[in-house]
């Protein structure tokens, strides 16, 4: 009888562990998707910044004002 109880307990623990692993995997997948979205947004913002910088030029390209 003791062996049957131990097997039942182990099966129960295994089922809970499987549920926990699946829940952790779901969270990991969601985080990976969010990370990929954020990386794309950063890339878009970097491109925009480069475009804006190209439109206005940099301060180093301009001559100093005449009063210097």
PDB file of N, CA and C in Angstrom:
ATOM      1  N   UNK A   1       0.822  -1.191   0.000  1.00  0.00           N
ATOM      2  CA  UNK A   1       0.000   0.000   0.000  1.00  0.00           C
ATOM      3  C   UNK A   1       0.864   1.252   0.000  1.00  0.00           C
ATOM      4  N   UNK A   2       1.965   1.214   0.683  1.00  0.00           N
ATOM      5  CA  UNK A   2       2.842   2.374   0.761  1.00  0.00           C
ATOM      6  C   UNK A   2       3.404   2.720  -0.608  1.00  0.00           C
ATOM      7  N   UNK A   3       3.761   1.743  -1.402  1.00  0.00           N
ATOM      8  CA  UNK A   3       4.305   1.983  -2.735  1.00  0.00           C
ATOM      9  C   UNK A   3       3.254   2.638  -3.640  1.00  0.00           C
ATOM     10  N   UNK A   4       2.025   2.183  -3.529  1.00  0.00           N
ATOM     11  CA  UNK A   4       0.947   2.784  -4.335  1.00  0.00           C
ATOM     12  C   UNK A   4       0.759   4.255  -3.987  1.00  0.00           C
ATOM     13  N   UNK A   5       0.823   4.580  -2.711  1.00  0.00           N
ATOM     14  CA  UNK A   5       0.666   5.967  -2.266  1.00  0.00           C
ATOM     15  C   UNK A   5       1.820   6.822  -2.784  1.00  0.00           C
ATOM     16  N   UNK A   6       3.016   6.292  -2.726  1.00  0.00           N
ATOM     17  CA  UNK A   6       4.184   7.035  -3.223  1.00  0.00           C
ATOM     18  C   UNK A   6       4.069   7.286  -4.718  1.00  0.00           C
ATOM     19  N   UNK A   7       3.608   6.285  -5.451  1.00  0.00           N
ATOM     20  CA  UNK A   7       3.446   6.436  -6.898  1.00  0.00           C
ATOM     21  C   UNK A   7       2.371   7.484  -7.196  1.00  0.00           C
ATOM     22  N   UNK A   8       1.290   7.439  -6.446  1.00  0.00           N
ATOM     23  CA  UNK A   8       0.222   8.426  -6.630  1.00  0.00           C
ATOM     24  C   UNK A   8       0.730   9.830  -6.334  1.00  0.00           C
ATOM     25  N   UNK A   9       1.492   9.978  -5.258  1.00  0.00           N
ATOM     26  CA  UNK A   9       2.063  11.284  -4.918  1.00  0.00           C
ATOM     27  C   UNK A   9       3.012  11.776  -6.009  1.00  0.00           C
ATOM     28  N   UNK A  10       3.835  10.886  -6.521  1.00  0.00           N
ATOM     29  CA  UNK A  10       4.765  11.255  -7.585  1.00  0.00           C
ATOM     30  C   UNK A  10       4.029  11.651  -8.861  1.00  0.00           C
ATOM     31  N   UNK A  11       2.990  10.934  -9.183  1.00  0.00           N
ATOM     32  CA  UNK A  11       2.210  11.276 -10.376  1.00  0.00           C
ATOM     33  C   UNK A  11       1.543  12.645 -10.206  1.00  0.00           C
ATOM     34  N   UNK A  12       1.066  12.911  -9.003  1.00  0.00           N
ATOM     35  CA  UNK A  12       0.446  14.195  -8.725  1.00  0.00           C
ATOM     36  C   UNK A  12       1.474  15.323  -8.845  1.00  0.00           C
ATOM     37  N   UNK A  13       2.644  15.126  -8.263  1.00  0.00           N
ATOM     38  CA  UNK A  13       3.700  16.133  -8.359  1.00  0.00           C
ATOM     39  C   UNK A  13       4.120  16.348  -9.803  1.00  0.00           C
ATOM     40  N   UNK A  14       4.195  15.282 -10.576  1.00  0.00           N
ATOM     41  CA  UNK A  14       4.565  15.388 -11.981  1.00  0.00           C
ATOM     42  C   UNK A  14       3.537  16.209 -12.758  1.00  0.00           C
ATOM     43  N   UNK A  15       2.267  15.993 -12.462  1.00  0.00           N
ATOM     44  CA  UNK A  15       1.216  16.747 -13.140  1.00  0.00           C
ATOM     45  C   UNK A  15       1.329  18.237 -12.815  1.00  0.00           C
ATOM     46  N   UNK A  16       1.582  18.571 -11.551  1.00  0.00           N
ATOM     47  CA  UNK A  16       1.741  19.973 -11.174  1.00  0.00           C
ATOM     48  C   UNK A  16       2.982  20.583 -11.826  1.00  0.00           C
ATOM     49  N   UNK A  17       4.048  19.803 -11.903  1.00  0.00           N
ATOM     50  CA  UNK A  17       5.262  20.303 -12.546  1.00  0.00           C
ATOM     51  C   UNK A  17       5.034  20.546 -14.034  1.00  0.00           C
ATOM     52  N   UNK A  18       4.299  19.655 -14.675  1.00  0.00           N
ATOM     53  CA  UNK A  18       3.982  19.852 -16.092  1.00  0.00           C
ATOM     54  C   UNK A  18       3.179  21.138 -16.294  1.00  0.00           C
ATOM     55  N   UNK A  19       2.215  21.394 -15.417  1.00  0.00           N
ATOM     56  CA  UNK A  19       1.419  22.622 -15.509  1.00  0.00           C
ATOM     57  C   UNK A  19       2.300  23.856 -15.296  1.00  0.00           C
ATOM     58  N   UNK A  20       3.200  23.777 -14.329  1.00  0.00           N
ATOM     59  CA  UNK A  20       4.090  24.898 -14.045  1.00  0.00           C
ATOM     60  C   UNK A  20       5.023  25.166 -15.214  1.00  0.00           C
ATOM     61  N   UNK A  21       5.572  24.120 -15.793  1.00  0.00           N
ATOM     62  CA  UNK A  21       6.464  24.269 -16.943  1.00  0.00           C
ATOM     63  C   UNK A  21       5.716  24.892 -18.117  1.00  0.00           C
ATOM     64  N   UNK A  22       4.506  24.466 -18.348  1.00  0.00           N
ATOM     65  CA  UNK A  22       3.717  25.031 -19.445  1.00  0.00           C
ATOM     66  C   UNK A  22       3.416  26.506 -19.194  1.00  0.00           C
ATOM     67  N   UNK A  23       3.075  26.855 -17.964  1.00  0.00           N
ATOM     68  CA  UNK A  23       2.801  28.257 -17.635  1.00  0.00           C
ATOM     69  C   UNK A  23       4.050  29.111 -17.821  1.00  0.00           C
ATOM     70  N   UNK A  24       5.197  28.608 -17.380  1.00  0.00           N
ATOM     71  CA  UNK A  24       6.454  29.337 -17.555  1.00  0.00           C
ATOM     72  C   UNK A  24       6.792  29.495 -19.031  1.00  0.00           C
ATOM     73  N   UNK A  25       6.551  28.470 -19.806  1.00  0.00           N
ATOM     74  CA  UNK A  25       6.809  28.534 -21.238  1.00  0.00           C
ATOM     75  C   UNK A  25       5.916  29.584 -21.898  1.00  0.00           C
ATOM     76  N   UNK A  26       4.655  29.638 -21.508  1.00  0.00           N
ATOM     77  CA  UNK A  26       3.734  30.632 -22.065  1.00  0.00           C
ATOM     78  C   UNK A  26       4.218  32.048 -21.768  1.00  0.00           C
ATOM     79  N   UNK A  27       4.678  32.269 -20.539  1.00  0.00           N
ATOM     80  CA  UNK A  27       5.182  33.583 -20.162  1.00  0.00           C
ATOM     81  C   UNK A  27       6.446  33.910 -20.964  1.00  0.00           C
ATOM     82  N   UNK A  28       7.311  32.937 -21.128  1.00  0.00           N
ATOM     83  CA  UNK A  28       8.544  33.146 -21.882  1.00  0.00           C
ATOM     84  C   UNK A  28       8.250  33.501 -23.335  1.00  0.00           C
ATOM     85  N   UNK A  29       7.302  32.840 -23.941  1.00  0.00           N
ATOM     86  CA  UNK A  29       6.922  33.127 -25.327  1.00  0.00           C
ATOM     87  C   UNK A  29       6.367  34.547 -25.431  1.00  0.00           C
ATOM     88  N   UNK A  30       5.533  34.945 -24.483  1.00  0.00           N
ATOM     89  CA  UNK A  30       4.963  36.291 -24.493  1.00  0.00           C
ATOM     90  C   UNK A  30       6.064  37.344 -24.328  1.00  0.00           C
ATOM     91  N   UNK A  31       7.016  37.088 -23.461  1.00  0.00           N
ATOM     92  CA  UNK A  31       8.122  38.023 -23.266  1.00  0.00           C
ATOM     93  C   UNK A  31       8.985  38.118 -24.515  1.00  0.00           C
ATOM     94  N   UNK A  32       9.220  37.014 -25.177  1.00  0.00           N
ATOM     95  CA  UNK A  32      10.016  37.020 -26.403  1.00  0.00           C
ATOM     96  C   UNK A  32       9.326  37.848 -27.481  1.00  0.00           C
ATOM     97  N   UNK A  33       8.014  37.702 -27.602  1.00  0.00           N
ATOM     98  CA  UNK A  33       7.265  38.501 -28.587  1.00  0.00           C
ATOM     99  C   UNK A  33       7.344  39.986 -28.254  1.00  0.00           C
ATOM    100  N   UNK A  34       7.202  40.320 -26.980  1.00  0.00           N
ATOM    101  CA  UNK A  34       7.289  41.714 -26.563  1.00  0.00           C
ATOM    102  C   UNK A  34       8.687  42.267 -26.839  1.00  0.00           C
ATOM    103  N   UNK A  35       9.706  41.482 -26.575  1.00  0.00           N
ATOM    104  CA  UNK A  35      11.083  41.897 -26.834  1.00  0.00           C
ATOM    105  C   UNK A  35      11.308  42.150 -28.324  1.00  0.00           C
ATOM    106  N   UNK A  36      10.792  41.290 -29.157  1.00  0.00           N
ATOM    107  CA  UNK A  36      10.937  41.471 -30.598  1.00  0.00           C
ATOM    108  C   UNK A  36      10.232  42.744 -31.068  1.00  0.00           C
ATOM    109  N   UNK A  37       9.031  43.006 -30.524  1.00  0.00           N
ATOM    110  CA  UNK A  37       8.316  44.240 -30.861  1.00  0.00           C
ATOM    111  C   UNK A  37       9.125  45.464 -30.449  1.00  0.00           C
ATOM    112  N   UNK A  38       9.681  45.429 -29.243  1.00  0.00           N
ATOM    113  CA  UNK A  38      10.463  46.559 -28.755  1.00  0.00           C
ATOM    114  C   UNK A  38      11.723  46.769 -29.590  1.00  0.00           C
ATOM    115  N   UNK A  39      12.361  45.688 -30.010  1.00  0.00           N
ATOM    116  CA  UNK A  39      13.547  45.809 -30.855  1.00  0.00           C
ATOM    117  C   UNK A  39      13.196  46.453 -32.194  1.00  0.00           C
ATOM    118  N   UNK A  40      12.055  46.102 -32.756  1.00  0.00           N
ATOM    119  CA  UNK A  40      11.624  46.719 -34.007  1.00  0.00           C
ATOM    120  C   UNK A  40      11.337  48.206 -33.805  1.00  0.00           C
ATOM    121  N   UNK A  41      10.707  48.548 -32.692  1.00  0.00           N
ATOM    122  CA  UNK A  41      10.412  49.946 -32.417  1.00  0.00           C
ATOM    123  C   UNK A  41      11.695  50.761 -32.245  1.00  0.00           C
ATOM    124  N   UNK A  42      12.677  50.199 -31.576  1.00  0.00           N
ATOM    125  CA  UNK A  42      13.951  50.894 -31.399  1.00  0.00           C
ATOM    126  C   UNK A  42      14.629  51.092 -32.750  1.00  0.00           C
ATOM    127  N   UNK A  43      14.576  50.094 -33.610  1.00  0.00           N
ATOM    128  CA  UNK A  43      15.179  50.223 -34.938  1.00  0.00           C
ATOM    129  C   UNK A  43      14.486  51.322 -35.734  1.00  0.00           C
ATOM    130  N   UNK A  44      13.162  51.396 -35.663  1.00  0.00           N
ATOM    131  CA  UNK A  44      12.420  52.447 -36.372  1.00  0.00           C
ATOM    132  C   UNK A  44      12.804  53.822 -35.825  1.00  0.00           C
ATOM    133  N   UNK A  45      12.877  53.941 -34.516  1.00  0.00           N
ATOM    134  CA  UNK A  45      13.246  55.224 -33.913  1.00  0.00           C
ATOM    135  C   UNK A  45      14.669  55.624 -34.286  1.00  0.00           C
ATOM    136  N   UNK A  46      15.579  54.673 -34.347  1.00  0.00           N
ATOM    137  CA  UNK A  46      16.957  54.973 -34.732  1.00  0.00           C
ATOM    138  C   UNK A  46      17.008  55.480 -36.168  1.00  0.00           C
ATOM    139  N   UNK A  47      16.237  54.852 -37.060  1.00  0.00           N
ATOM    140  CA  UNK A  47      16.190  55.318 -38.453  1.00  0.00           C
ATOM    141  C   UNK A  47      15.622  56.727 -38.535  1.00  0.00           C
ATOM    142  N   UNK A  48      14.569  56.987 -37.770  1.00  0.00           N
ATOM    143  CA  UNK A  48      13.969  58.327 -37.773  1.00  0.00           C
ATOM    144  C   UNK A  48      14.973  59.375 -37.290  1.00  0.00           C
ATOM    145  N   UNK A  49      15.705  59.030 -36.247  1.00  0.00           N
ATOM    146  CA  UNK A  49      16.686  59.956 -35.703  1.00  0.00           C
ATOM    147  C   UNK A  49      17.772  60.246 -36.734  1.00  0.00           C
ATOM    148  N   UNK A  50      18.220  59.226 -37.455  1.00  0.00           N
ATOM    149  CA  UNK A  50      19.220  59.434 -38.491  1.00  0.00           C
ATOM    150  C   UNK A  50      18.675  60.322 -39.601  1.00  0.00           C
ATOM    151  N   UNK A  51      17.416  60.117 -39.982  1.00  0.00           N
ATOM    152  CA  UNK A  51      16.799  60.932 -41.023  1.00  0.00           C
ATOM    153  C   UNK A  51      16.692  62.390 -40.589  1.00  0.00           C
ATOM    154  N   UNK A  52      16.260  62.600 -39.367  1.00  0.00           N
ATOM    155  CA  UNK A  52      16.120  63.962 -38.855  1.00  0.00           C
ATOM    156  C   UNK A  52      17.496  64.611 -38.749  1.00  0.00           C
ATOM    157  N   UNK A  53      18.466  63.878 -38.288  1.00  0.00           N
ATOM    158  CA  UNK A  53      19.822  64.410 -38.193  1.00  0.00           C
ATOM    159  C   UNK A  53      20.361  64.776 -39.566  1.00  0.00           C
ATOM    160  N   UNK A  54      20.029  64.016 -40.585  1.00  0.00           N
ATOM    161  CA  UNK A  54      20.468  64.307 -41.939  1.00  0.00           C
ATOM    162  C   UNK A  54      19.790  65.539 -42.509  1.00  0.00           C
ATOM    163  N   UNK A  55      18.555  65.795 -42.121  1.00  0.00           N
ATOM    164  CA  UNK A  55      17.822  66.949 -42.618  1.00  0.00           C
ATOM    165  C   UNK A  55      18.372  68.254 -42.053  1.00  0.00           C
ATOM    166  N   UNK A  56      18.720  68.245 -40.800  1.00  0.00           N
ATOM    167  CA  UNK A  56      19.170  69.463 -40.146  1.00  0.00           C
ATOM    168  C   UNK A  56      20.680  69.612 -40.151  1.00  0.00           C
ATOM    169  N   UNK A  57      21.395  68.576 -40.483  1.00  0.00           N
ATOM    170  CA  UNK A  57      22.854  68.629 -40.451  1.00  0.00           C
ATOM    171  C   UNK A  57      23.347  68.656 -39.025  1.00  0.00           C
ATOM    172  N   UNK A  58      24.609  68.543 -38.879  1.00  0.00           N
ATOM    173  CA  UNK A  58      25.161  68.557 -37.529  1.00  0.00           C
ATOM    174  C   UNK A  58      25.760  69.921 -37.237  1.00  0.00           C
ATOM    175  N   UNK A  59      25.931  70.243 -36.000  1.00  0.00           N
ATOM    176  CA  UNK A  59      26.473  71.526 -35.581  1.00  0.00           C
ATOM    177  C   UNK A  59      27.938  71.653 -35.995  1.00  0.00           C
ATOM    178  N   UNK A  60      28.636  70.576 -36.175  1.00  0.00           N
ATOM    179  CA  UNK A  60      30.045  70.610 -36.557  1.00  0.00           C
ATOM    180  C   UNK A  60      30.219  71.111 -37.986  1.00  0.00           C
ATOM    181  N   UNK A  61      29.230  70.938 -38.841  1.00  0.00           N
ATOM    182  CA  UNK A  61      29.326  71.352 -40.230  1.00  0.00           C
ATOM    183  C   UNK A  61      29.142  72.856 -40.388  1.00  0.00           C
ATOM    184  N   UNK A  62      28.536  73.496 -39.441  1.00  0.00           N
ATOM    185  CA  UNK A  62      28.241  74.910 -39.540  1.00  0.00           C
ATOM    186  C   UNK A  62      29.434  75.742 -39.077  1.00  0.00           C
ATOM    187  N   UNK A  63      29.611  76.888 -39.708  1.00  0.00           N
ATOM    188  CA  UNK A  63      30.669  77.808 -39.306  1.00  0.00           C
ATOM    189  C   UNK A  63      30.248  78.497 -38.014  1.00  0.00           C
ATOM    190  N   UNK A  64      31.200  78.906 -37.205  1.00  0.00           N
ATOM    191  CA  UNK A  64      30.830  79.601 -35.978  1.00  0.00           C
ATOM    192  C   UNK A  64      30.232  80.967 -36.297  1.00  0.00           C
ATOM    193  N   UNK A  65      29.414  81.474 -35.425  1.00  0.00           N
ATOM    194  CA  UNK A  65      28.814  82.781 -35.663  1.00  0.00           C
ATOM    195  C   UNK A  65      29.910  83.851 -35.794  1.00  0.00           C
ATOM    196  N   UNK A  66      29.608  84.965 -36.440  1.00  0.00           N
ATOM    197  CA  UNK A  66      30.634  85.979 -36.710  1.00  0.00           C
ATOM    198  C   UNK A  66      31.234  86.626 -35.472  1.00  0.00           C
ATOM    199  N   UNK A  67      30.557  86.630 -34.374  1.00  0.00           N
ATOM    200  CA  UNK A  67      31.101  87.297 -33.181  1.00  0.00           C
ATOM    201  C   UNK A  67      32.173  86.497 -32.481  1.00  0.00           C
ATOM    202  N   UNK A  68      32.551  85.322 -32.988  1.00  0.00           N
ATOM    203  CA  UNK A  68      33.619  84.560 -32.358  1.00  0.00           C
ATOM    204  C   UNK A  68      34.950  84.955 -32.910  1.00  0.00           C
TER     205      UNK A  68
END
